[in-house]
Amino acid sequence: MKKIILLVFAALLMQACNNTEAPKDTKAPAKDTTTVAKVDAGYMTLAVLYYQRAAETKALYYQGFNIARTMIDNDAKVKSAKKKAIVLDIDETVLDNSPYEAQCILGNFGYPEKWDEWVNSGKAEATPGSVEFLKYAEGKGYGIFYITNRKVKFADITLKNLKDKGFPMADTTHVLFRTEGSSKEPRRLKVLKNYNISLLMGDNLADFTSIYDEKLSVEQRAQKTDSLKAEFGKRFIVFPNAMYGDWEMAMYPDPAASAQVKDSIRKAYLIGF
């Protein structure tokens, strides 16, 4: 941790020096203040390539949905006073947004730039095995609730995207969009009024429980995950996403820090030998 603090301090000091105003050169051409600053998203290249091109990513999705099928087969034998439900995320759980992340790299921009354009295209593909599993769960009598942090302004196009890909129960009753805060807990509680939630699925730990809602350090997230180890592969199914997420934001004390500072922080978190 001392190493991380020292590296971040050094990066901040370097940034401050670089931002110091230099003596004005009357011969230099005036800067074009209308130019949009570019974002170097190249650090995500391997993560996006792994998601898009690695057969291992497909295998992890198939593995997750195969485990989920086994779990509901066992769960279906257990009697319940309430109807049973599956709760799952949308982005990088059932819909693949990696083309957006790839375009960030290719176009040197970052979220939220062009995110609306991507979502409104309705072109997100289904993740491997997701449609097949959810149709199977529907056939077993499970309610399916998609709890997403996509904003409600994307409701119509998201429902269309889901329906176009063949997802069951893709309607306003079963797809719960973000209307206020980012926490999914109030929406899970809404489902719990009429259902027992047998299975939760997502690519981010906050998709499962509210204990990850608050701002946590990397170490705190690891500790809480250790405390829940019995739930993974049993009631919680996690899917791969190294492209973005709370796991990355947990490293940055200031999410608005410069790219240079964030790069220093990422390198400081690496464990070498």
C-alpha atoms as a PDB file:
ATOM      1  CA  MET A   1       0.000   0.000   0.000  1.00  0.00           C
ATOM      2  CA  LYS A   2       2.891   2.388   0.720  1.00  0.00           C
ATOM      3  CA  LYS A   3       4.161   1.663  -2.777  1.00  0.00           C
ATOM      4  CA  ILE A   4       0.776   2.579  -4.230  1.00  0.00           C
ATOM      5  CA  ILE A   5       0.609   5.835  -2.285  1.00  0.00           C
ATOM      6  CA  LEU A   6       4.131   6.830  -3.326  1.00  0.00           C
ATOM      7  CA  LEU A   7       3.495   6.077  -6.991  1.00  0.00           C
ATOM      8  CA  VAL A   8       0.225   7.988  -6.996  1.00  0.00           C
ATOM      9  CA  PHE A   9       1.887  10.955  -5.280  1.00  0.00           C
ATOM     10  CA  ALA A  10       4.678  10.918  -7.849  1.00  0.00           C
ATOM     11  CA  ALA A  11       2.153  10.799 -10.680  1.00  0.00           C
ATOM     12  CA  LEU A  12       0.188  13.677  -9.215  1.00  0.00           C
ATOM     13  CA  LEU A  13       3.367  15.715  -8.792  1.00  0.00           C
ATOM     14  CA  MET A  14       4.358  15.041 -12.398  1.00  0.00           C
ATOM     15  CA  GLN A  15       0.893  16.014 -13.577  1.00  0.00           C
ATOM     16  CA  ALA A  16       1.059  19.273 -11.612  1.00  0.00           C
ATOM     17  CA  CYS A  17       4.413  20.085 -13.182  1.00  0.00           C
ATOM     18  CA  ASN A  18       3.128  19.343 -16.654  1.00  0.00           C
ATOM     19  CA  ASN A  19       0.106  21.562 -16.076  1.00  0.00           C
ATOM     20  CA  THR A  20       2.175  24.557 -15.032  1.00  0.00           C
ATOM     21  CA  GLU A  21       1.606  27.343 -17.519  1.00  0.00           C
ATOM     22  CA  ALA A  22       4.655  27.951 -19.698  1.00  0.00           C
ATOM     23  CA  PRO A  23       5.724  31.441 -20.790  1.00  0.00           C
ATOM     24  CA  LYS A  24       3.551  32.589 -23.658  1.00  0.00           C
ATOM     25  CA  ASP A  25       5.121  32.476 -27.110  1.00  0.00           C
ATOM     26  CA  THR A  26       3.600  35.258 -29.175  1.00  0.00           C
ATOM     27  CA  LYS A  27       4.683  33.443 -32.335  1.00  0.00           C
ATOM     28  CA  ALA A  28       2.854  30.205 -31.490  1.00  0.00           C
ATOM     29  CA  PRO A  29      -0.506  29.670 -33.220  1.00  0.00           C
ATOM     30  CA  ALA A  30      -3.625  29.972 -31.084  1.00  0.00           C
ATOM     31  CA  LYS A  31      -4.994  26.675 -29.758  1.00  0.00           C
ATOM     32  CA  ASP A  32      -8.259  25.371 -31.171  1.00  0.00           C
ATOM     33  CA  THR A  33     -10.426  25.305 -28.066  1.00  0.00           C
ATOM     34  CA  THR A  34     -13.216  23.526 -29.921  1.00  0.00           C
ATOM     35  CA  THR A  35     -11.211  20.314 -30.298  1.00  0.00           C
ATOM     36  CA  VAL A  36     -12.555  17.445 -28.174  1.00  0.00           C
ATOM     37  CA  ALA A  37      -9.880  15.879 -25.984  1.00  0.00           C
ATOM     38  CA  LYS A  38      -9.074  12.313 -26.974  1.00  0.00           C
ATOM     39  CA  VAL A  39      -9.000   9.486 -24.459  1.00  0.00           C
ATOM     40  CA  ASP A  40      -6.358   6.791 -24.765  1.00  0.00           C
ATOM     41  CA  ALA A  41      -8.377   3.637 -24.097  1.00  0.00           C
ATOM     42  CA  GLY A  42      -5.591   1.386 -25.361  1.00  0.00           C
ATOM     43  CA  TYR A  43      -4.998  -0.094 -21.914  1.00  0.00           C
ATOM     44  CA  MET A  44      -8.244  -2.076 -22.410  1.00  0.00           C
ATOM     45  CA  THR A  45      -7.068  -3.799 -25.588  1.00  0.00           C
ATOM     46  CA  LEU A  46      -6.224  -7.235 -24.186  1.00  0.00           C
ATOM     47  CA  ALA A  47      -9.333  -7.275 -21.974  1.00  0.00           C
ATOM     48  CA  VAL A  48     -11.595  -6.549 -24.950  1.00  0.00           C
ATOM     49  CA  LEU A  49      -9.762  -9.030 -27.182  1.00  0.00           C
ATOM     50  CA  TYR A  50     -10.117 -11.705 -24.502  1.00  0.00           C
ATOM     51  CA  TYR A  51     -13.843 -11.020 -24.270  1.00  0.00           C
ATOM     52  CA  GLN A  52     -14.377 -10.999 -28.026  1.00  0.00           C
ATOM     53  CA  ARG A  53     -11.890 -13.559 -29.319  1.00  0.00           C
ATOM     54  CA  ALA A  54     -10.912 -15.991 -26.563  1.00  0.00           C
ATOM     55  CA  ALA A  55     -12.735 -19.308 -26.720  1.00  0.00           C
ATOM     56  CA  GLU A  56     -12.209 -19.357 -22.967  1.00  0.00           C
ATOM     57  CA  THR A  57     -14.729 -16.528 -22.602  1.00  0.00           C
ATOM     58  CA  LYS A  58     -17.350 -18.571 -24.440  1.00  0.00           C
ATOM     59  CA  ALA A  59     -16.460 -21.545 -22.271  1.00  0.00           C
ATOM     60  CA  LEU A  60     -16.981 -19.526 -19.085  1.00  0.00           C
ATOM     61  CA  TYR A  61     -20.444 -18.436 -20.219  1.00  0.00           C
ATOM     62  CA  TYR A  62     -21.388 -21.993 -21.158  1.00  0.00           C
ATOM     63  CA  GLN A  63     -20.013 -23.199 -17.838  1.00  0.00           C
ATOM     64  CA  GLY A  64     -22.006 -20.608 -15.905  1.00  0.00           C
ATOM     65  CA  PHE A  65     -25.275 -21.389 -17.646  1.00  0.00           C
ATOM     66  CA  ASN A  66     -24.677 -25.150 -17.340  1.00  0.00           C
ATOM     67  CA  ILE A  67     -24.177 -24.752 -13.593  1.00  0.00           C
ATOM     68  CA  ALA A  68     -27.301 -22.585 -13.441  1.00  0.00           C
ATOM     69  CA  ARG A  69     -29.313 -25.297 -15.216  1.00  0.00           C
ATOM     70  CA  THR A  70     -28.154 -27.886 -12.694  1.00  0.00           C
ATOM     71  CA  MET A  71     -29.011 -25.554  -9.830  1.00  0.00           C
ATOM     72  CA  ILE A  72     -32.590 -24.941 -10.957  1.00  0.00           C
ATOM     73  CA  ASP A  73     -33.081 -28.643 -11.675  1.00  0.00           C
ATOM     74  CA  ASN A  74     -32.240 -29.280  -8.014  1.00  0.00           C
ATOM     75  CA  ASP A  75     -34.122 -26.221  -6.778  1.00  0.00           C
ATOM     76  CA  ALA A  76     -37.278 -27.177  -8.681  1.00  0.00           C
ATOM     77  CA  LYS A  77     -37.628 -30.192  -6.378  1.00  0.00           C
ATOM     78  CA  VAL A  78     -37.858 -27.938  -3.307  1.00  0.00           C
ATOM     79  CA  LYS A  79     -41.367 -26.800  -2.395  1.00  0.00           C
ATOM     80  CA  SER A  80     -41.938 -23.073  -1.924  1.00  0.00           C
ATOM     81  CA  ALA A  81     -44.883 -21.022  -0.697  1.00  0.00           C
ATOM     82  CA  LYS A  82     -44.021 -18.352  -3.287  1.00  0.00           C
ATOM     83  CA  LYS A  83     -43.305 -18.629  -6.971  1.00  0.00           C
ATOM     84  CA  LYS A  84     -39.623 -18.915  -7.823  1.00  0.00           C
ATOM     85  CA  ALA A  85     -37.553 -16.459  -9.807  1.00  0.00           C
ATOM     86  CA  ILE A  86     -34.181 -15.910 -11.407  1.00  0.00           C
ATOM     87  CA  VAL A  87     -32.717 -12.403 -11.218  1.00  0.00           C
ATOM     88  CA  LEU A  88     -29.983 -11.400 -13.619  1.00  0.00           C
ATOM     89  CA  ASP A  89     -28.164  -8.422 -15.049  1.00  0.00           C
ATOM     90  CA  ILE A  90     -28.306  -7.465 -18.744  1.00  0.00           C
ATOM     91  CA  ASP A  91     -25.006  -5.927 -19.891  1.00  0.00           C
ATOM     92  CA  GLU A  92     -22.237  -8.519 -20.227  1.00  0.00           C
ATOM     93  CA  THR A  93     -24.574 -11.065 -18.630  1.00  0.00           C
ATOM     94  CA  VAL A  94     -27.127 -11.620 -21.396  1.00  0.00           C
ATOM     95  CA  LEU A  95     -26.178  -8.882 -23.900  1.00  0.00           C
ATOM     96  CA  ASP A  96     -22.669  -8.369 -25.284  1.00  0.00           C
ATOM     97  CA  ASN A  97     -21.570  -4.721 -25.439  1.00  0.00           C
ATOM     98  CA  SER A  98     -17.942  -5.423 -26.266  1.00  0.00           C
ATOM     99  CA  PRO A  99     -18.238  -3.688 -29.679  1.00  0.00           C
ATOM    100  CA  TYR A 100     -18.750  -0.444 -27.778  1.00  0.00           C
ATOM    101  CA  GLU A 101     -15.627  -1.038 -25.676  1.00  0.00           C
ATOM    102  CA  ALA A 102     -13.686  -1.941 -28.831  1.00  0.00           C
ATOM    103  CA  GLN A 103     -14.808   1.270 -30.506  1.00  0.00           C
ATOM    104  CA  CYS A 104     -13.613   3.254 -27.486  1.00  0.00           C
ATOM    105  CA  ILE A 105     -10.130   1.883 -28.192  1.00  0.00           C
ATOM    106  CA  LEU A 106     -10.301   2.379 -31.946  1.00  0.00           C
ATOM    107  CA  GLY A 107     -11.748   5.879 -31.676  1.00  0.00           C
ATOM    108  CA  ASN A 108      -9.794   7.101 -28.626  1.00  0.00           C
ATOM    109  CA  PHE A 109     -12.829   7.978 -26.525  1.00  0.00           C
ATOM    110  CA  GLY A 110     -14.331   6.752 -23.282  1.00  0.00           C
ATOM    111  CA  TYR A 111     -17.659   6.169 -21.592  1.00  0.00           C
ATOM    112  CA  PRO A 112     -20.181   7.800 -21.753  1.00  0.00           C
ATOM    113  CA  GLU A 113     -19.246   9.184 -25.188  1.00  0.00           C
ATOM    114  CA  LYS A 114     -21.250   7.381 -27.899  1.00  0.00           C
ATOM    115  CA  TRP A 115     -22.824   5.002 -25.355  1.00  0.00           C
ATOM    116  CA  ASP A 116     -26.313   6.279 -26.275  1.00  0.00           C
ATOM    117  CA  GLU A 117     -25.518   5.719 -29.951  1.00  0.00           C
ATOM    118  CA  TRP A 118     -24.461   2.134 -29.300  1.00  0.00           C
ATOM    119  CA  VAL A 119     -27.477   1.237 -27.130  1.00  0.00           C
ATOM    120  CA  ASN A 120     -29.924   2.869 -29.532  1.00  0.00           C
ATOM    121  CA  SER A 121     -28.516   0.796 -32.397  1.00  0.00           C
ATOM    122  CA  GLY A 122     -30.048  -2.274 -30.712  1.00  0.00           C
ATOM    123  CA  LYS A 123     -27.234  -4.427 -32.088  1.00  0.00           C
ATOM    124  CA  ALA A 124     -25.999  -6.137 -28.915  1.00  0.00           C
ATOM    125  CA  GLU A 125     -25.708  -9.895 -29.400  1.00  0.00           C
ATOM    126  CA  ALA A 126     -26.793 -12.502 -26.870  1.00  0.00           C
ATOM    127  CA  THR A 127     -24.026 -13.947 -24.696  1.00  0.00           C
ATOM    128  CA  PRO A 128     -23.200 -17.636 -25.317  1.00  0.00           C
ATOM    129  CA  GLY A 129     -25.833 -19.952 -23.849  1.00  0.00           C
ATOM    130  CA  SER A 130     -27.990 -17.210 -22.309  1.00  0.00           C
ATOM    131  CA  VAL A 131     -31.117 -17.496 -24.465  1.00  0.00           C
ATOM    132  CA  GLU A 132     -31.147 -21.293 -24.279  1.00  0.00           C
ATOM    133  CA  PHE A 133     -30.826 -21.306 -20.496  1.00  0.00           C
ATOM    134  CA  LEU A 134     -33.503 -18.683 -19.885  1.00  0.00           C
ATOM    135  CA  LYS A 135     -35.975 -20.444 -22.176  1.00  0.00           C
ATOM    136  CA  TYR A 136     -35.260 -23.630 -20.219  1.00  0.00           C
ATOM    137  CA  ALA A 137     -35.874 -21.803 -16.922  1.00  0.00           C
ATOM    138  CA  GLU A 138     -39.117 -20.355 -18.266  1.00  0.00           C
ATOM    139  CA  GLY A 139     -40.221 -23.867 -19.171  1.00  0.00           C
ATOM    140  CA  LYS A 140     -39.518 -24.926 -15.595  1.00  0.00           C
ATOM    141  CA  GLY A 141     -41.922 -22.264 -14.340  1.00  0.00           C
ATOM    142  CA  TYR A 142     -39.410 -19.696 -13.119  1.00  0.00           C
ATOM    143  CA  GLY A 143     -40.085 -15.984 -13.309  1.00  0.00           C
ATOM    144  CA  ILE A 144     -37.205 -14.174 -15.016  1.00  0.00           C
ATOM    145  CA  PHE A 145     -36.336 -10.644 -13.926  1.00  0.00           C
ATOM    146  CA  TYR A 146     -33.683  -8.595 -15.674  1.00  0.00           C
ATOM    147  CA  ILE A 147     -32.402  -5.912 -13.276  1.00  0.00           C
ATOM    148  CA  THR A 148     -30.281  -3.483 -15.229  1.00  0.00           C
ATOM    149  CA  ASN A 149     -28.585  -0.160 -14.591  1.00  0.00           C
ATOM    150  CA  ARG A 150     -29.443   0.971 -18.074  1.00  0.00           C
ATOM    151  CA  LYS A 151     -31.455   4.156 -17.640  1.00  0.00           C
ATOM    152  CA  VAL A 152     -35.181   4.082 -18.269  1.00  0.00           C
ATOM    153  CA  LYS A 153     -34.731   6.235 -21.380  1.00  0.00           C
ATOM    154  CA  PHE A 154     -33.324   3.101 -23.026  1.00  0.00           C
ATOM    155  CA  ALA A 155     -36.352   0.969 -22.136  1.00  0.00           C
ATOM    156  CA  ASP A 156     -37.934   0.669 -25.580  1.00  0.00           C
ATOM    157  CA  ILE A 157     -34.758  -0.134 -27.511  1.00  0.00           C
ATOM    158  CA  THR A 158     -33.501  -2.522 -24.810  1.00  0.00           C
ATOM    159  CA  LEU A 159     -36.766  -4.474 -24.797  1.00  0.00           C
ATOM    160  CA  LYS A 160     -36.627  -4.651 -28.584  1.00  0.00           C
ATOM    161  CA  ASN A 161     -32.989  -5.828 -28.505  1.00  0.00           C
ATOM    162  CA  LEU A 162     -33.865  -8.561 -25.990  1.00  0.00           C
ATOM    163  CA  LYS A 163     -36.938  -9.677 -27.939  1.00  0.00           C
ATOM    164  CA  ASP A 164     -35.024  -9.684 -31.224  1.00  0.00           C
ATOM    165  CA  LYS A 165     -32.487 -12.075 -29.695  1.00  0.00           C
ATOM    166  CA  GLY A 166     -35.197 -14.389 -28.385  1.00  0.00           C
ATOM    167  CA  PHE A 167     -35.056 -13.692 -24.642  1.00  0.00           C
ATOM    168  CA  PRO A 168     -38.177 -14.724 -22.713  1.00  0.00           C
ATOM    169  CA  MET A 169     -40.202 -12.346 -20.514  1.00  0.00           C
ATOM    170  CA  ALA A 170     -38.597  -9.281 -22.098  1.00  0.00           C
ATOM    171  CA  ASP A 171     -41.369  -6.890 -21.066  1.00  0.00           C
ATOM    172  CA  THR A 172     -41.943  -3.920 -18.769  1.00  0.00           C
ATOM    173  CA  THR A 173     -42.933  -6.195 -15.890  1.00  0.00           C
ATOM    174  CA  HIS A 174     -39.791  -8.291 -15.968  1.00  0.00           C
ATOM    175  CA  VAL A 175     -37.128  -5.777 -17.055  1.00  0.00           C
ATOM    176  CA  LEU A 176     -36.416  -3.329 -14.221  1.00  0.00           C
ATOM    177  CA  PHE A 177     -34.460  -0.274 -15.332  1.00  0.00           C
ATOM    178  CA  ARG A 178     -32.527   2.254 -13.295  1.00  0.00           C
ATOM    179  CA  THR A 179     -34.733   5.184 -12.329  1.00  0.00           C
ATOM    180  CA  GLU A 180     -32.856   6.627  -9.342  1.00  0.00           C
ATOM    181  CA  GLY A 181     -29.689   5.374  -7.653  1.00  0.00           C
ATOM    182  CA  SER A 182     -27.441   2.654  -9.040  1.00  0.00           C
ATOM    183  CA  SER A 183     -28.173   0.176  -6.232  1.00  0.00           C
ATOM    184  CA  LYS A 184     -30.124  -2.832  -7.433  1.00  0.00           C
ATOM    185  CA  GLU A 185     -31.270  -3.777  -3.941  1.00  0.00           C
ATOM    186  CA  PRO A 186     -34.627  -1.895  -4.053  1.00  0.00           C
ATOM    187  CA  ARG A 187     -35.497  -3.700  -7.277  1.00  0.00           C
ATOM    188  CA  ARG A 188     -34.482  -7.077  -5.867  1.00  0.00           C
ATOM    189  CA  LEU A 189     -36.704  -6.386  -2.859  1.00  0.00           C
ATOM    190  CA  LYS A 190     -39.554  -5.583  -5.240  1.00  0.00           C
ATOM    191  CA  VAL A 191     -39.163  -9.031  -6.819  1.00  0.00           C
ATOM    192  CA  LEU A 192     -39.002 -10.644  -3.374  1.00  0.00           C
ATOM    193  CA  LYS A 193     -42.493  -9.408  -2.518  1.00  0.00           C
ATOM    194  CA  ASN A 194     -43.996 -12.063  -4.766  1.00  0.00           C
ATOM    195  CA  TYR A 195     -41.138 -14.479  -5.480  1.00  0.00           C
ATOM    196  CA  ASN A 196     -38.349 -16.417  -3.864  1.00  0.00           C
ATOM    197  CA  ILE A 197     -35.144 -15.642  -5.738  1.00  0.00           C
ATOM    198  CA  SER A 198     -33.498 -18.970  -6.428  1.00  0.00           C
ATOM    199  CA  LEU A 199     -30.577 -17.713  -8.501  1.00  0.00           C
ATOM    200  CA  LEU A 200     -28.779 -14.422  -9.184  1.00  0.00           C
ATOM    201  CA  MET A 201     -26.526 -13.948 -12.205  1.00  0.00           C
ATOM    202  CA  GLY A 202     -24.249 -11.098 -13.253  1.00  0.00           C
ATOM    203  CA  ASP A 203     -20.775  -9.842 -14.142  1.00  0.00           C
ATOM    204  CA  ASN A 204     -20.430  -7.387 -11.248  1.00  0.00           C
ATOM    205  CA  LEU A 205     -20.603  -8.292  -7.553  1.00  0.00           C
ATOM    206  CA  ALA A 206     -23.234  -5.613  -6.884  1.00  0.00           C
ATOM    207  CA  ASP A 207     -25.558  -7.729  -9.055  1.00  0.00           C
ATOM    208  CA  PHE A 208     -25.845 -10.151  -6.139  1.00  0.00           C
ATOM    209  CA  THR A 209     -26.004  -8.291  -2.845  1.00  0.00           C
ATOM    210  CA  SER A 210     -26.101  -4.764  -1.449  1.00  0.00           C
ATOM    211  CA  ILE A 211     -22.913  -5.296   0.570  1.00  0.00           C
ATOM    212  CA  TYR A 212     -21.014  -4.221  -2.553  1.00  0.00           C
ATOM    213  CA  ASP A 213     -23.065  -1.054  -3.077  1.00  0.00           C
ATOM    214  CA  GLU A 214     -20.926   1.234  -0.949  1.00  0.00           C
ATOM    215  CA  LYS A 215     -17.526   2.477  -2.076  1.00  0.00           C
ATOM    216  CA  LEU A 216     -15.118  -0.305  -1.138  1.00  0.00           C
ATOM    217  CA  SER A 217     -11.387  -0.702  -1.522  1.00  0.00           C
ATOM    218  CA  VAL A 218      -9.879  -3.565  -3.498  1.00  0.00           C
ATOM    219  CA  GLU A 219      -9.011  -5.288  -0.227  1.00  0.00           C
ATOM    220  CA  GLN A 220     -12.502  -4.823   1.243  1.00  0.00           C
ATOM    221  CA  ARG A 221     -14.140  -6.283  -1.855  1.00  0.00           C
ATOM    222  CA  ALA A 222     -11.850  -9.300  -1.598  1.00  0.00           C
ATOM    223  CA  GLN A 223     -12.677  -9.792   2.089  1.00  0.00           C
ATOM    224  CA  LYS A 224     -16.421  -9.618   1.505  1.00  0.00           C
ATOM    225  CA  THR A 225     -16.118 -12.075  -1.367  1.00  0.00           C
ATOM    226  CA  ASP A 226     -14.239 -14.503   0.876  1.00  0.00           C
ATOM    227  CA  SER A 227     -17.109 -14.277   3.374  1.00  0.00           C
ATOM    228  CA  LEU A 228     -19.583 -15.282   0.643  1.00  0.00           C
ATOM    229  CA  LYS A 229     -17.501 -18.073  -0.915  1.00  0.00           C
ATOM    230  CA  ALA A 230     -20.198 -20.701  -0.298  1.00  0.00           C
ATOM    231  CA  GLU A 231     -22.696 -18.806  -2.489  1.00  0.00           C
ATOM    232  CA  PHE A 232     -20.702 -18.755  -5.735  1.00  0.00           C
ATOM    233  CA  GLY A 233     -21.644 -21.604  -8.042  1.00  0.00           C
ATOM    234  CA  LYS A 234     -24.593 -22.290  -5.764  1.00  0.00           C
ATOM    235  CA  ARG A 235     -26.866 -19.230  -5.656  1.00  0.00           C
ATOM    236  CA  PHE A 236     -24.602 -16.684  -7.366  1.00  0.00           C
ATOM    237  CA  ILE A 237     -23.292 -17.199 -10.924  1.00  0.00           C
ATOM    238  CA  VAL A 238     -20.579 -14.761 -12.063  1.00  0.00           C
ATOM    239  CA  PHE A 239     -19.719 -14.116 -15.706  1.00  0.00           C
ATOM    240  CA  PRO A 240     -16.388 -12.783 -17.071  1.00  0.00           C
ATOM    241  CA  ASN A 241     -15.894  -9.062 -17.669  1.00  0.00           C
ATOM    242  CA  ALA A 242     -12.377  -7.642 -17.459  1.00  0.00           C
ATOM    243  CA  MET A 243     -13.312  -4.656 -19.633  1.00  0.00           C
ATOM    244  CA  TYR A 244     -14.877  -2.427 -16.947  1.00  0.00           C
ATOM    245  CA  GLY A 245     -16.693  -2.555 -13.620  1.00  0.00           C
ATOM    246  CA  ASP A 246     -16.610  -1.777  -9.923  1.00  0.00           C
ATOM    247  CA  TRP A 247     -13.476  -3.905  -9.621  1.00  0.00           C
ATOM    248  CA  GLU A 248     -11.568  -1.260 -11.593  1.00  0.00           C
ATOM    249  CA  MET A 249     -13.169   1.758  -9.922  1.00  0.00           C
ATOM    250  CA  ALA A 250     -12.210   0.320  -6.527  1.00  0.00           C
ATOM    251  CA  MET A 251      -8.563   1.054  -7.367  1.00  0.00           C
ATOM    252  CA  TYR A 252      -9.080   4.778  -7.909  1.00  0.00           C
ATOM    253  CA  PRO A 253      -9.457   7.073  -4.854  1.00  0.00           C
ATOM    254  CA  ASP A 254     -10.611   9.734  -7.305  1.00  0.00           C
ATOM    255  CA  PRO A 255     -12.589   8.376 -10.292  1.00  0.00           C
ATOM    256  CA  ALA A 256     -12.008  11.703 -12.070  1.00  0.00           C
ATOM    257  CA  ALA A 257      -8.217  11.423 -11.862  1.00  0.00           C
ATOM    258  CA  SER A 258      -6.228  11.868 -15.048  1.00  0.00           C
ATOM    259  CA  ALA A 259      -5.366   8.932 -17.294  1.00  0.00           C
ATOM    260  CA  GLN A 260      -1.730   9.310 -16.228  1.00  0.00           C
ATOM    261  CA  VAL A 261      -2.584   8.979 -12.534  1.00  0.00           C
ATOM    262  CA  LYS A 262      -4.879   6.014 -13.166  1.00  0.00           C
ATOM    263  CA  ASP A 263      -2.150   4.283 -15.157  1.00  0.00           C
ATOM    264  CA  SER A 264       0.252   4.723 -12.233  1.00  0.00           C
ATOM    265  CA  ILE A 265      -2.324   3.301  -9.834  1.00  0.00           C
ATOM    266  CA  ARG A 266      -2.980   0.250 -12.008  1.00  0.00           C
ATOM    267  CA  LYS A 267       0.717  -0.513 -12.236  1.00  0.00           C
ATOM    268  CA  ALA A 268       1.118  -0.063  -8.488  1.00  0.00           C
ATOM    269  CA  TYR A 269      -1.511  -2.740  -7.907  1.00  0.00           C
ATOM    270  CA  LEU A 270       0.372  -5.303  -9.974  1.00  0.00           C
ATOM    271  CA  ILE A 271       2.003  -8.104  -7.973  1.00  0.00           C
ATOM    272  CA  GLY A 272       5.354  -9.032  -9.396  1.00  0.00           C
ATOM    273  CA  PHE A 273       8.055 -11.341  -8.103  1.00  0.00           C
END
